[in-house]
Amino acid sequence: MRTYVFFLKTLERADGFNRLWGSRGGCAALLAPFPAMDELSQRLVVEGITNWEALSLAIREVALPLAQKLDASGRAYRKLHLQLELEDAALEGRRDYPRPRVAANLESDALALARRLKIAGPVWALTVGAKDLVPAPAAQMHLFNQAGLPAQLERQGRLARAWDDLCHRYPGRILVSPPAPSWRERMLAFYDPWRRERG
């Protein structure tokens, strides 16, 4: 980061660069690093939640505005924090991620944290916090179907929720993908590429 800031300061001093960058429609302010932001969090007070369905709905209700804040700021998180306030205590779940997580993952990550906690009483409030914020990685742009993008994101969200519900409903019996083909099958596919299609 230090090298990046030094490079920017060097470029700002160079009049020729500013003229060249401006003549091509650029703005030197676009090269400036993001403003410092350490954490975003969202809190919700509820009325004594005692079952998983109501708790998952409350977590989704908290995660949606927090994800919108992350999207608006162009940030991704590396640490997630979930706090559930019970009558006499507070339960906390934390998770550190090796790579930045985008706002679309926030809901499923918060639900996964809640599943790990051993909740012994009704929940009266919950807080979800995203920490160690970094600039969000750029996603590939859709060239032709911009109108279908929200529908695609909604479908991905529904699939993720359905998967979470299946994992919760049938713990220990998670569906798995078919086993990978053996080394022999992969080598024979070089010789006969239509081997698998014949049945």
N, C-alpha and C. Protein backbone atom coordinates (compact mmCIF):
# COMPACT_ATOMS: atom_id res chain seq x y z
N MET A 1 0.83 -1.19 0.00
CA MET A 1 0.00 0.00 0.00
C MET A 1 0.88 1.25 0.00
N ARG A 2 2.00 1.19 0.72
CA ARG A 2 2.89 2.34 0.80
C ARG A 2 3.42 2.71 -0.59
N THR A 3 3.80 1.68 -1.37
CA THR A 3 4.31 1.92 -2.72
C THR A 3 3.24 2.57 -3.58
N TYR A 4 2.01 2.12 -3.44
CA TYR A 4 0.88 2.65 -4.20
C TYR A 4 0.67 4.13 -3.89
N VAL A 5 0.68 4.50 -2.59
CA VAL A 5 0.50 5.89 -2.19
C VAL A 5 1.66 6.74 -2.68
N PHE A 6 2.89 6.22 -2.57
CA PHE A 6 4.05 6.95 -3.06
C PHE A 6 3.94 7.20 -4.56
N PHE A 7 3.51 6.18 -5.29
CA PHE A 7 3.33 6.31 -6.73
C PHE A 7 2.31 7.38 -7.05
N LEU A 8 1.19 7.43 -6.30
CA LEU A 8 0.17 8.45 -6.52
C LEU A 8 0.71 9.84 -6.25
N LYS A 9 1.48 9.99 -5.15
CA LYS A 9 2.03 11.31 -4.83
C LYS A 9 3.01 11.76 -5.91
N THR A 10 3.78 10.82 -6.43
CA THR A 10 4.72 11.15 -7.50
C THR A 10 3.95 11.59 -8.75
N LEU A 11 2.86 10.90 -9.06
CA LEU A 11 2.08 11.25 -10.23
C LEU A 11 1.39 12.60 -10.07
N GLU A 12 0.94 12.92 -8.84
CA GLU A 12 0.27 14.20 -8.62
C GLU A 12 1.23 15.36 -8.84
N ARG A 13 2.51 15.14 -8.55
CA ARG A 13 3.50 16.20 -8.75
C ARG A 13 3.81 16.41 -10.23
N ALA A 14 3.58 15.41 -11.02
CA ALA A 14 3.94 15.49 -12.44
C ALA A 14 2.82 16.18 -13.20
N ASP A 15 3.08 17.41 -13.64
CA ASP A 15 2.08 18.17 -14.40
C ASP A 15 1.73 17.47 -15.70
N GLY A 16 2.72 16.91 -16.34
CA GLY A 16 2.49 16.26 -17.63
C GLY A 16 1.51 15.11 -17.50
N PHE A 17 1.61 14.34 -16.42
CA PHE A 17 0.69 13.22 -16.25
C PHE A 17 -0.74 13.73 -16.07
N ASN A 18 -0.92 14.76 -15.25
CA ASN A 18 -2.27 15.28 -15.02
C ASN A 18 -2.89 15.80 -16.32
N ARG A 19 -2.10 16.45 -17.15
CA ARG A 19 -2.63 16.94 -18.42
C ARG A 19 -2.99 15.77 -19.34
N LEU A 20 -2.10 14.77 -19.39
CA LEU A 20 -2.35 13.61 -20.23
C LEU A 20 -3.56 12.83 -19.73
N TRP A 21 -3.62 12.58 -18.43
CA TRP A 21 -4.74 11.83 -17.85
C TRP A 21 -6.05 12.58 -18.06
N GLY A 22 -6.04 13.90 -17.87
CA GLY A 22 -7.25 14.70 -18.06
C GLY A 22 -7.67 14.76 -19.51
N SER A 23 -6.74 14.77 -20.44
CA SER A 23 -7.09 14.84 -21.86
C SER A 23 -7.75 13.56 -22.34
N ARG A 24 -7.52 12.48 -21.64
CA ARG A 24 -8.13 11.20 -22.03
C ARG A 24 -9.39 10.91 -21.22
N GLY A 25 -9.91 11.91 -20.53
CA GLY A 25 -11.17 11.73 -19.81
C GLY A 25 -11.00 11.19 -18.41
N GLY A 26 -9.79 11.08 -17.91
CA GLY A 26 -9.57 10.52 -16.58
C GLY A 26 -9.60 11.58 -15.51
N CYS A 27 -9.73 11.14 -14.30
CA CYS A 27 -9.72 12.05 -13.16
C CYS A 27 -8.72 11.48 -12.15
N ALA A 28 -7.75 12.29 -11.72
CA ALA A 28 -6.73 11.79 -10.80
C ALA A 28 -7.34 11.38 -9.47
N ALA A 29 -8.52 11.92 -9.13
CA ALA A 29 -9.18 11.55 -7.87
C ALA A 29 -9.61 10.09 -7.90
N LEU A 30 -9.84 9.55 -9.10
CA LEU A 30 -10.25 8.14 -9.19
C LEU A 30 -9.13 7.20 -8.78
N LEU A 31 -7.89 7.65 -8.84
CA LEU A 31 -6.76 6.81 -8.47
C LEU A 31 -6.49 6.83 -6.96
N ALA A 32 -7.14 7.74 -6.23
CA ALA A 32 -6.89 7.85 -4.79
C ALA A 32 -7.38 6.61 -4.08
N PRO A 33 -6.69 6.18 -3.03
CA PRO A 33 -7.14 5.00 -2.29
C PRO A 33 -8.45 5.27 -1.56
N PHE A 34 -9.13 4.19 -1.16
CA PHE A 34 -10.40 4.30 -0.45
C PHE A 34 -10.20 5.01 0.88
N PRO A 35 -11.21 5.75 1.36
CA PRO A 35 -11.09 6.32 2.70
C PRO A 35 -11.09 5.21 3.74
N ALA A 36 -10.45 5.48 4.88
CA ALA A 36 -10.34 4.46 5.92
C ALA A 36 -11.71 4.14 6.51
N MET A 37 -12.01 2.87 6.61
CA MET A 37 -13.26 2.41 7.21
C MET A 37 -12.95 1.06 7.85
N ASP A 38 -13.13 0.96 9.14
CA ASP A 38 -12.73 -0.26 9.84
C ASP A 38 -13.84 -1.30 9.92
N GLU A 39 -15.07 -0.85 10.13
CA GLU A 39 -16.13 -1.81 10.45
C GLU A 39 -17.48 -1.25 10.06
N LEU A 40 -18.36 -2.14 9.62
CA LEU A 40 -19.78 -1.83 9.43
C LEU A 40 -20.57 -2.84 10.22
N SER A 41 -21.59 -2.39 10.93
CA SER A 41 -22.39 -3.34 11.70
C SER A 41 -23.86 -2.91 11.67
N GLN A 42 -24.72 -3.86 11.96
CA GLN A 42 -26.17 -3.63 11.98
C GLN A 42 -26.74 -4.40 13.17
N ARG A 43 -27.64 -3.74 13.92
CA ARG A 43 -28.22 -4.34 15.13
C ARG A 43 -29.73 -4.40 14.97
N LEU A 44 -30.34 -5.45 15.51
CA LEU A 44 -31.79 -5.62 15.47
C LEU A 44 -32.25 -6.12 16.83
N VAL A 45 -33.24 -5.46 17.39
CA VAL A 45 -33.85 -5.89 18.65
C VAL A 45 -35.09 -6.69 18.29
N VAL A 46 -35.22 -7.89 18.87
CA VAL A 46 -36.33 -8.79 18.56
C VAL A 46 -37.03 -9.19 19.87
N GLU A 47 -38.13 -9.90 19.74
CA GLU A 47 -38.92 -10.31 20.91
C GLU A 47 -38.72 -11.78 21.22
N GLY A 48 -37.68 -12.12 21.89
CA GLY A 48 -37.46 -13.48 22.40
C GLY A 48 -37.61 -14.59 21.38
N ILE A 49 -36.73 -14.64 20.42
CA ILE A 49 -36.77 -15.69 19.39
C ILE A 49 -36.33 -17.01 20.00
N THR A 50 -37.13 -18.05 19.76
CA THR A 50 -36.82 -19.36 20.35
C THR A 50 -36.64 -20.47 19.32
N ASN A 51 -36.92 -20.23 18.04
CA ASN A 51 -36.76 -21.30 17.05
C ASN A 51 -35.84 -20.85 15.92
N TRP A 52 -35.33 -21.82 15.18
CA TRP A 52 -34.34 -21.55 14.15
C TRP A 52 -34.92 -20.74 12.98
N GLU A 53 -36.15 -21.03 12.58
CA GLU A 53 -36.74 -20.33 11.44
C GLU A 53 -36.83 -18.83 11.70
N ALA A 54 -37.31 -18.46 12.90
CA ALA A 54 -37.43 -17.03 13.24
C ALA A 54 -36.05 -16.38 13.35
N LEU A 55 -35.08 -17.12 13.90
CA LEU A 55 -33.73 -16.58 14.02
C LEU A 55 -33.10 -16.37 12.64
N SER A 56 -33.28 -17.32 11.73
CA SER A 56 -32.71 -17.16 10.39
C SER A 56 -33.37 -16.00 9.65
N LEU A 57 -34.68 -15.79 9.84
CA LEU A 57 -35.33 -14.64 9.23
C LEU A 57 -34.79 -13.33 9.80
N ALA A 58 -34.54 -13.29 11.11
CA ALA A 58 -34.00 -12.08 11.73
C ALA A 58 -32.58 -11.81 11.23
N ILE A 59 -31.78 -12.86 11.07
CA ILE A 59 -30.42 -12.68 10.57
C ILE A 59 -30.46 -12.15 9.14
N ARG A 60 -31.39 -12.68 8.34
CA ARG A 60 -31.53 -12.18 6.96
C ARG A 60 -31.96 -10.72 6.96
N GLU A 61 -32.82 -10.35 7.89
CA GLU A 61 -33.30 -8.96 7.99
C GLU A 61 -32.16 -8.02 8.37
N VAL A 62 -31.22 -8.49 9.17
CA VAL A 62 -30.06 -7.67 9.54
C VAL A 62 -29.02 -7.66 8.43
N ALA A 63 -28.83 -8.80 7.76
CA ALA A 63 -27.77 -8.93 6.76
C ALA A 63 -28.07 -8.12 5.50
N LEU A 64 -29.33 -7.98 5.13
CA LEU A 64 -29.66 -7.27 3.90
C LEU A 64 -29.21 -5.81 3.91
N PRO A 65 -29.59 -4.99 4.94
CA PRO A 65 -29.10 -3.60 4.91
C PRO A 65 -27.58 -3.49 5.05
N LEU A 66 -26.98 -4.42 5.80
CA LEU A 66 -25.53 -4.39 5.94
C LEU A 66 -24.86 -4.70 4.60
N ALA A 67 -25.40 -5.66 3.87
CA ALA A 67 -24.86 -5.98 2.54
C ALA A 67 -25.03 -4.80 1.59
N GLN A 68 -26.14 -4.08 1.71
CA GLN A 68 -26.35 -2.91 0.86
C GLN A 68 -25.33 -1.82 1.19
N LYS A 69 -25.02 -1.65 2.48
CA LYS A 69 -24.00 -0.67 2.87
C LYS A 69 -22.63 -1.07 2.31
N LEU A 70 -22.31 -2.36 2.37
CA LEU A 70 -21.04 -2.82 1.82
C LEU A 70 -20.97 -2.59 0.32
N ASP A 71 -22.07 -2.90 -0.38
CA ASP A 71 -22.10 -2.68 -1.82
C ASP A 71 -21.94 -1.20 -2.16
N ALA A 72 -22.65 -0.34 -1.40
CA ALA A 72 -22.59 1.10 -1.68
C ALA A 72 -21.19 1.66 -1.45
N SER A 73 -20.48 1.11 -0.47
CA SER A 73 -19.14 1.62 -0.19
C SER A 73 -18.07 0.93 -1.03
N GLY A 74 -18.45 -0.11 -1.78
CA GLY A 74 -17.48 -0.82 -2.62
C GLY A 74 -16.48 -1.61 -1.81
N ARG A 75 -16.93 -2.16 -0.69
CA ARG A 75 -16.04 -2.87 0.23
C ARG A 75 -16.37 -4.35 0.30
N ALA A 76 -15.40 -5.12 0.73
CA ALA A 76 -15.54 -6.54 1.05
C ALA A 76 -14.96 -6.73 2.44
N TYR A 77 -15.35 -7.79 3.11
CA TYR A 77 -14.90 -8.01 4.49
C TYR A 77 -14.03 -9.25 4.59
N ARG A 78 -13.15 -9.23 5.59
CA ARG A 78 -12.31 -10.39 5.87
C ARG A 78 -12.65 -11.02 7.21
N LYS A 79 -13.40 -10.30 8.04
CA LYS A 79 -13.81 -10.83 9.35
C LYS A 79 -15.30 -10.58 9.52
N LEU A 80 -15.98 -11.58 10.06
CA LEU A 80 -17.41 -11.45 10.32
C LEU A 80 -17.66 -11.74 11.79
N HIS A 81 -18.54 -10.94 12.39
CA HIS A 81 -18.84 -11.05 13.81
C HIS A 81 -20.35 -11.11 13.98
N LEU A 82 -20.82 -12.09 14.75
CA LEU A 82 -22.24 -12.23 15.05
C LEU A 82 -22.40 -12.27 16.56
N GLN A 83 -23.26 -11.42 17.09
CA GLN A 83 -23.51 -11.40 18.54
C GLN A 83 -25.00 -11.57 18.77
N LEU A 84 -25.35 -12.58 19.57
CA LEU A 84 -26.73 -12.83 19.97
C LEU A 84 -26.86 -12.50 21.45
N GLU A 85 -27.80 -11.63 21.78
CA GLU A 85 -28.00 -11.24 23.18
C GLU A 85 -29.16 -12.03 23.76
N LEU A 86 -28.84 -12.82 24.79
CA LEU A 86 -29.85 -13.59 25.51
C LEU A 86 -30.26 -12.81 26.75
N GLU A 87 -31.12 -13.39 27.60
CA GLU A 87 -31.57 -12.68 28.80
C GLU A 87 -30.44 -12.38 29.76
N ASP A 88 -29.56 -13.36 29.98
CA ASP A 88 -28.52 -13.19 30.99
C ASP A 88 -27.09 -13.20 30.42
N ALA A 89 -26.94 -13.42 29.13
CA ALA A 89 -25.60 -13.51 28.55
C ALA A 89 -25.64 -13.10 27.08
N ALA A 90 -24.46 -13.07 26.51
CA ALA A 90 -24.35 -12.79 25.07
C ALA A 90 -23.46 -13.85 24.44
N LEU A 91 -23.90 -14.37 23.32
CA LEU A 91 -23.12 -15.35 22.57
C LEU A 91 -22.48 -14.65 21.38
N GLU A 92 -21.22 -14.99 21.13
CA GLU A 92 -20.51 -14.36 20.02
C GLU A 92 -19.92 -15.42 19.11
N GLY A 93 -19.99 -15.16 17.84
CA GLY A 93 -19.36 -16.00 16.84
C GLY A 93 -18.52 -15.13 15.94
N ARG A 94 -17.29 -15.56 15.66
CA ARG A 94 -16.38 -14.79 14.81
C ARG A 94 -15.78 -15.73 13.78
N ARG A 95 -15.50 -15.16 12.62
CA ARG A 95 -14.85 -15.95 11.58
C ARG A 95 -13.93 -15.05 10.78
N ASP A 96 -12.71 -15.51 10.57
CA ASP A 96 -11.74 -14.81 9.72
C ASP A 96 -11.65 -15.57 8.40
N TYR A 97 -11.63 -14.85 7.31
CA TYR A 97 -11.56 -15.45 5.98
C TYR A 97 -10.21 -15.15 5.34
N PRO A 98 -9.64 -16.10 4.63
CA PRO A 98 -8.34 -15.86 4.01
C PRO A 98 -8.42 -14.87 2.84
N ARG A 99 -9.57 -14.83 2.17
CA ARG A 99 -9.76 -13.90 1.05
C ARG A 99 -10.94 -12.99 1.35
N PRO A 100 -10.97 -11.81 0.79
CA PRO A 100 -12.12 -10.92 1.02
C PRO A 100 -13.42 -11.55 0.53
N ARG A 101 -14.48 -11.35 1.32
CA ARG A 101 -15.81 -11.85 0.99
C ARG A 101 -16.69 -10.68 0.57
N VAL A 102 -17.41 -10.82 -0.52
CA VAL A 102 -18.25 -9.74 -1.02
C VAL A 102 -19.60 -9.76 -0.30
N ALA A 103 -20.37 -8.70 -0.49
CA ALA A 103 -21.64 -8.53 0.22
C ALA A 103 -22.63 -9.65 -0.06
N ALA A 104 -22.57 -10.27 -1.23
CA ALA A 104 -23.50 -11.35 -1.56
C ALA A 104 -23.34 -12.56 -0.64
N ASN A 105 -22.17 -12.72 -0.02
CA ASN A 105 -21.91 -13.85 0.87
C ASN A 105 -22.31 -13.58 2.31
N LEU A 106 -22.67 -12.36 2.63
CA LEU A 106 -22.87 -11.96 4.02
C LEU A 106 -23.97 -12.77 4.71
N GLU A 107 -25.09 -12.94 4.05
CA GLU A 107 -26.22 -13.65 4.66
C GLU A 107 -25.88 -15.10 4.98
N SER A 108 -25.32 -15.81 4.01
CA SER A 108 -25.00 -17.23 4.24
C SER A 108 -23.88 -17.38 5.28
N ASP A 109 -22.92 -16.45 5.29
CA ASP A 109 -21.86 -16.52 6.29
C ASP A 109 -22.40 -16.27 7.70
N ALA A 110 -23.32 -15.32 7.84
CA ALA A 110 -23.91 -15.04 9.15
C ALA A 110 -24.75 -16.22 9.63
N LEU A 111 -25.48 -16.85 8.72
CA LEU A 111 -26.27 -18.03 9.10
C LEU A 111 -25.36 -19.18 9.51
N ALA A 112 -24.25 -19.35 8.83
CA ALA A 112 -23.30 -20.41 9.20
C ALA A 112 -22.71 -20.15 10.58
N LEU A 113 -22.44 -18.88 10.91
CA LEU A 113 -21.95 -18.55 12.25
C LEU A 113 -23.00 -18.86 13.30
N ALA A 114 -24.26 -18.55 13.01
CA ALA A 114 -25.34 -18.80 13.98
C ALA A 114 -25.52 -20.29 14.23
N ARG A 115 -25.31 -21.10 13.19
CA ARG A 115 -25.45 -22.55 13.37
C ARG A 115 -24.41 -23.12 14.32
N ARG A 116 -23.26 -22.49 14.39
CA ARG A 116 -22.19 -22.99 15.27
C ARG A 116 -22.44 -22.67 16.75
N LEU A 117 -23.26 -21.66 17.02
CA LEU A 117 -23.49 -21.25 18.41
C LEU A 117 -24.47 -22.18 19.10
N LYS A 118 -24.25 -22.43 20.37
CA LYS A 118 -25.15 -23.24 21.18
C LYS A 118 -26.07 -22.28 21.94
N ILE A 119 -27.24 -22.07 21.41
CA ILE A 119 -28.18 -21.09 21.97
C ILE A 119 -29.03 -21.79 23.03
N ALA A 120 -28.97 -21.27 24.27
CA ALA A 120 -29.64 -21.93 25.40
C ALA A 120 -30.88 -21.19 25.87
N GLY A 121 -31.28 -20.14 25.19
CA GLY A 121 -32.45 -19.39 25.62
C GLY A 121 -32.93 -18.48 24.51
N PRO A 122 -34.00 -17.71 24.80
CA PRO A 122 -34.52 -16.81 23.77
C PRO A 122 -33.55 -15.68 23.44
N VAL A 123 -33.51 -15.31 22.18
CA VAL A 123 -32.64 -14.24 21.69
C VAL A 123 -33.44 -12.94 21.69
N TRP A 124 -32.88 -11.90 22.29
CA TRP A 124 -33.57 -10.61 22.40
C TRP A 124 -32.99 -9.55 21.47
N ALA A 125 -31.78 -9.74 21.01
CA ALA A 125 -31.18 -8.79 20.06
C ALA A 125 -30.03 -9.50 19.35
N LEU A 126 -29.74 -9.05 18.15
CA LEU A 126 -28.62 -9.62 17.42
C LEU A 126 -27.92 -8.52 16.64
N THR A 127 -26.61 -8.70 16.51
CA THR A 127 -25.76 -7.74 15.80
C THR A 127 -24.86 -8.52 14.84
N VAL A 128 -24.80 -8.05 13.61
CA VAL A 128 -23.89 -8.61 12.61
C VAL A 128 -22.91 -7.51 12.24
N GLY A 129 -21.63 -7.82 12.30
CA GLY A 129 -20.60 -6.83 11.97
C GLY A 129 -19.60 -7.38 10.98
N ALA A 130 -19.28 -6.57 10.00
CA ALA A 130 -18.25 -6.90 9.01
C ALA A 130 -17.03 -6.06 9.33
N LYS A 131 -15.88 -6.72 9.52
CA LYS A 131 -14.66 -6.01 9.92
C LYS A 131 -13.55 -6.26 8.92
N ASP A 132 -12.45 -5.55 9.11
CA ASP A 132 -11.27 -5.65 8.25
C ASP A 132 -11.69 -5.45 6.79
N LEU A 133 -12.30 -4.30 6.53
CA LEU A 133 -12.85 -4.01 5.21
C LEU A 133 -11.75 -3.62 4.23
N VAL A 134 -11.88 -4.16 3.04
CA VAL A 134 -10.93 -3.89 1.95
C VAL A 134 -11.73 -3.58 0.69
N PRO A 135 -11.12 -2.97 -0.31
CA PRO A 135 -11.85 -2.75 -1.57
C PRO A 135 -12.34 -4.07 -2.15
N ALA A 136 -13.59 -4.09 -2.59
CA ALA A 136 -14.18 -5.31 -3.13
C ALA A 136 -13.51 -5.69 -4.44
N PRO A 137 -13.28 -6.99 -4.66
CA PRO A 137 -12.71 -7.40 -5.94
C PRO A 137 -13.70 -7.13 -7.07
N ALA A 138 -13.19 -6.76 -8.22
CA ALA A 138 -14.06 -6.45 -9.36
C ALA A 138 -14.67 -7.73 -9.91
N ALA A 139 -15.94 -7.64 -10.25
CA ALA A 139 -16.63 -8.77 -10.86
C ALA A 139 -16.63 -8.61 -12.37
N GLN A 140 -16.75 -9.70 -13.07
CA GLN A 140 -16.79 -9.63 -14.52
C GLN A 140 -18.10 -9.01 -14.96
N MET A 141 -18.04 -8.12 -15.91
CA MET A 141 -19.24 -7.45 -16.39
C MET A 141 -20.00 -8.36 -17.35
N HIS A 142 -21.33 -8.24 -17.33
CA HIS A 142 -22.16 -8.99 -18.26
C HIS A 142 -22.33 -8.14 -19.52
N LEU A 143 -21.99 -8.69 -20.66
CA LEU A 143 -22.01 -7.90 -21.88
C LEU A 143 -23.41 -7.71 -22.45
N PHE A 144 -24.22 -8.75 -22.43
CA PHE A 144 -25.48 -8.68 -23.16
C PHE A 144 -26.71 -8.63 -22.27
N ASN A 145 -26.71 -9.34 -21.15
CA ASN A 145 -27.93 -9.51 -20.39
C ASN A 145 -27.89 -8.72 -19.09
N GLN A 146 -27.85 -7.40 -19.17
CA GLN A 146 -27.85 -6.57 -17.96
C GLN A 146 -29.19 -6.65 -17.25
N ALA A 147 -30.30 -6.78 -17.99
CA ALA A 147 -31.62 -6.81 -17.36
C ALA A 147 -31.81 -8.09 -16.55
N GLY A 148 -31.17 -9.17 -16.94
CA GLY A 148 -31.34 -10.44 -16.24
C GLY A 148 -30.45 -10.61 -15.03
N LEU A 149 -29.54 -9.66 -14.79
CA LEU A 149 -28.59 -9.78 -13.68
C LEU A 149 -29.28 -9.82 -12.31
N PRO A 150 -30.24 -8.93 -11.99
CA PRO A 150 -30.90 -9.03 -10.68
C PRO A 150 -31.62 -10.36 -10.49
N ALA A 151 -32.26 -10.86 -11.55
CA ALA A 151 -32.94 -12.15 -11.44
C ALA A 151 -31.94 -13.27 -11.17
N GLN A 152 -30.78 -13.19 -11.81
CA GLN A 152 -29.75 -14.21 -11.59
C GLN A 152 -29.25 -14.17 -10.15
N LEU A 153 -29.02 -12.97 -9.62
CA LEU A 153 -28.57 -12.84 -8.23
C LEU A 153 -29.64 -13.34 -7.27
N GLU A 154 -30.90 -13.04 -7.57
CA GLU A 154 -31.99 -13.52 -6.71
C GLU A 154 -32.06 -15.04 -6.73
N ARG A 155 -31.90 -15.63 -7.91
CA ARG A 155 -31.93 -17.09 -8.04
C ARG A 155 -30.77 -17.72 -7.26
N GLN A 156 -29.58 -17.11 -7.33
CA GLN A 156 -28.44 -17.63 -6.58
C GLN A 156 -28.70 -17.55 -5.08
N GLY A 157 -29.34 -16.45 -4.63
CA GLY A 157 -29.69 -16.31 -3.22
C GLY A 157 -30.67 -17.37 -2.77
N ARG A 158 -31.69 -17.64 -3.62
CA ARG A 158 -32.68 -18.68 -3.27
C ARG A 158 -32.02 -20.04 -3.20
N LEU A 159 -31.11 -20.33 -4.13
CA LEU A 159 -30.40 -21.62 -4.10
C LEU A 159 -29.53 -21.74 -2.85
N ALA A 160 -28.86 -20.65 -2.46
CA ALA A 160 -28.03 -20.69 -1.26
C ALA A 160 -28.88 -20.91 -0.01
N ARG A 161 -30.05 -20.25 0.05
CA ARG A 161 -30.94 -20.44 1.21
C ARG A 161 -31.48 -21.87 1.26
N ALA A 162 -31.84 -22.41 0.09
CA ALA A 162 -32.34 -23.79 0.04
C ALA A 162 -31.26 -24.76 0.50
N TRP A 163 -30.02 -24.54 0.06
CA TRP A 163 -28.91 -25.39 0.49
C TRP A 163 -28.70 -25.30 1.99
N ASP A 164 -28.76 -24.08 2.56
CA ASP A 164 -28.61 -23.90 4.00
C ASP A 164 -29.71 -24.62 4.76
N ASP A 165 -30.95 -24.53 4.25
CA ASP A 165 -32.07 -25.20 4.91
C ASP A 165 -31.91 -26.72 4.87
N LEU A 166 -31.42 -27.26 3.73
CA LEU A 166 -31.19 -28.71 3.64
C LEU A 166 -30.10 -29.16 4.62
N CYS A 167 -29.03 -28.37 4.70
CA CYS A 167 -27.94 -28.72 5.61
C CYS A 167 -28.42 -28.68 7.06
N HIS A 168 -29.30 -27.75 7.37
CA HIS A 168 -29.82 -27.65 8.74
C HIS A 168 -30.84 -28.75 9.03
N ARG A 169 -31.68 -29.06 8.04
CA ARG A 169 -32.73 -30.06 8.24
C ARG A 169 -32.16 -31.47 8.31
N TYR A 170 -31.11 -31.75 7.54
CA TYR A 170 -30.51 -33.09 7.52
C TYR A 170 -29.03 -33.00 7.86
N PRO A 171 -28.70 -32.71 9.12
CA PRO A 171 -27.28 -32.58 9.48
C PRO A 171 -26.56 -33.93 9.33
N GLY A 172 -25.38 -33.87 8.81
CA GLY A 172 -24.59 -35.08 8.64
C GLY A 172 -24.91 -35.86 7.39
N ARG A 173 -25.99 -35.49 6.70
CA ARG A 173 -26.36 -36.20 5.48
C ARG A 173 -26.40 -35.22 4.31
N ILE A 174 -25.35 -34.46 4.16
CA ILE A 174 -25.29 -33.44 3.11
C ILE A 174 -25.06 -34.12 1.77
N LEU A 175 -25.76 -33.64 0.76
CA LEU A 175 -25.60 -34.19 -0.58
C LEU A 175 -24.21 -33.86 -1.09
N VAL A 176 -23.62 -34.80 -1.79
CA VAL A 176 -22.28 -34.57 -2.33
C VAL A 176 -22.32 -34.77 -3.83
N SER A 177 -21.34 -34.24 -4.52
CA SER A 177 -21.25 -34.40 -5.96
C SER A 177 -20.72 -35.81 -6.26
N PRO A 178 -20.92 -36.30 -7.48
CA PRO A 178 -20.40 -37.63 -7.82
C PRO A 178 -18.88 -37.64 -7.74
N PRO A 179 -18.30 -38.80 -7.50
CA PRO A 179 -16.84 -38.86 -7.39
C PRO A 179 -16.17 -38.49 -8.70
N ALA A 180 -14.99 -37.94 -8.59
CA ALA A 180 -14.22 -37.56 -9.78
C ALA A 180 -13.83 -38.81 -10.54
N PRO A 181 -13.72 -38.70 -11.87
CA PRO A 181 -13.31 -39.88 -12.64
C PRO A 181 -11.89 -40.31 -12.26
N SER A 182 -11.66 -41.60 -12.39
CA SER A 182 -10.35 -42.14 -12.03
C SER A 182 -9.29 -41.68 -13.04
N TRP A 183 -8.03 -41.91 -12.68
CA TRP A 183 -6.94 -41.54 -13.55
C TRP A 183 -7.06 -42.29 -14.88
N ARG A 184 -7.44 -43.56 -14.81
CA ARG A 184 -7.57 -44.37 -16.02
C ARG A 184 -8.63 -43.79 -16.96
N GLU A 185 -9.78 -43.38 -16.40
CA GLU A 185 -10.85 -42.80 -17.22
C GLU A 185 -10.39 -41.49 -17.86
N ARG A 186 -9.65 -40.69 -17.14
CA ARG A 186 -9.17 -39.42 -17.69
C ARG A 186 -8.19 -39.67 -18.84
N MET A 187 -7.32 -40.66 -18.69
CA MET A 187 -6.35 -40.97 -19.74
C MET A 187 -7.05 -41.56 -20.97
N LEU A 188 -8.08 -42.40 -20.75
CA LEU A 188 -8.81 -42.96 -21.88
C LEU A 188 -9.60 -41.88 -22.62
N ALA A 189 -9.99 -40.81 -21.91
CA ALA A 189 -10.72 -39.72 -22.55
C ALA A 189 -9.84 -38.99 -23.55
N PHE A 190 -8.51 -39.00 -23.35
CA PHE A 190 -7.62 -38.41 -24.34
C PHE A 190 -7.66 -39.21 -25.64
N TYR A 191 -7.70 -40.53 -25.49
CA TYR A 191 -7.71 -41.39 -26.66
C TYR A 191 -9.07 -41.36 -27.36
N ASP A 192 -10.16 -41.40 -26.57
CA ASP A 192 -11.52 -41.45 -27.11
C ASP A 192 -12.35 -40.37 -26.41
N PRO A 193 -12.41 -39.15 -26.95
CA PRO A 193 -13.08 -38.04 -26.26
C PRO A 193 -14.58 -38.26 -26.05
N TRP A 194 -15.20 -39.13 -26.83
CA TRP A 194 -16.64 -39.34 -26.68
C TRP A 194 -16.95 -40.57 -25.84
N ARG A 195 -16.00 -41.02 -25.06
CA ARG A 195 -16.15 -42.22 -24.23
C ARG A 195 -17.34 -42.11 -23.28
N ARG A 196 -17.50 -41.00 -22.61
CA ARG A 196 -18.56 -40.85 -21.62
C ARG A 196 -19.93 -40.65 -22.27
N GLU A 197 -19.97 -40.14 -23.49
CA GLU A 197 -21.26 -39.84 -24.12
C GLU A 197 -21.95 -41.08 -24.68
N ARG A 198 -21.22 -42.16 -24.85
CA ARG A 198 -21.82 -43.37 -25.43
C ARG A 198 -22.71 -44.10 -24.44
N GLY A 199 -22.51 -43.88 -23.15
CA GLY A 199 -23.34 -44.52 -22.14
C GLY A 199 -22.75 -45.78 -21.77
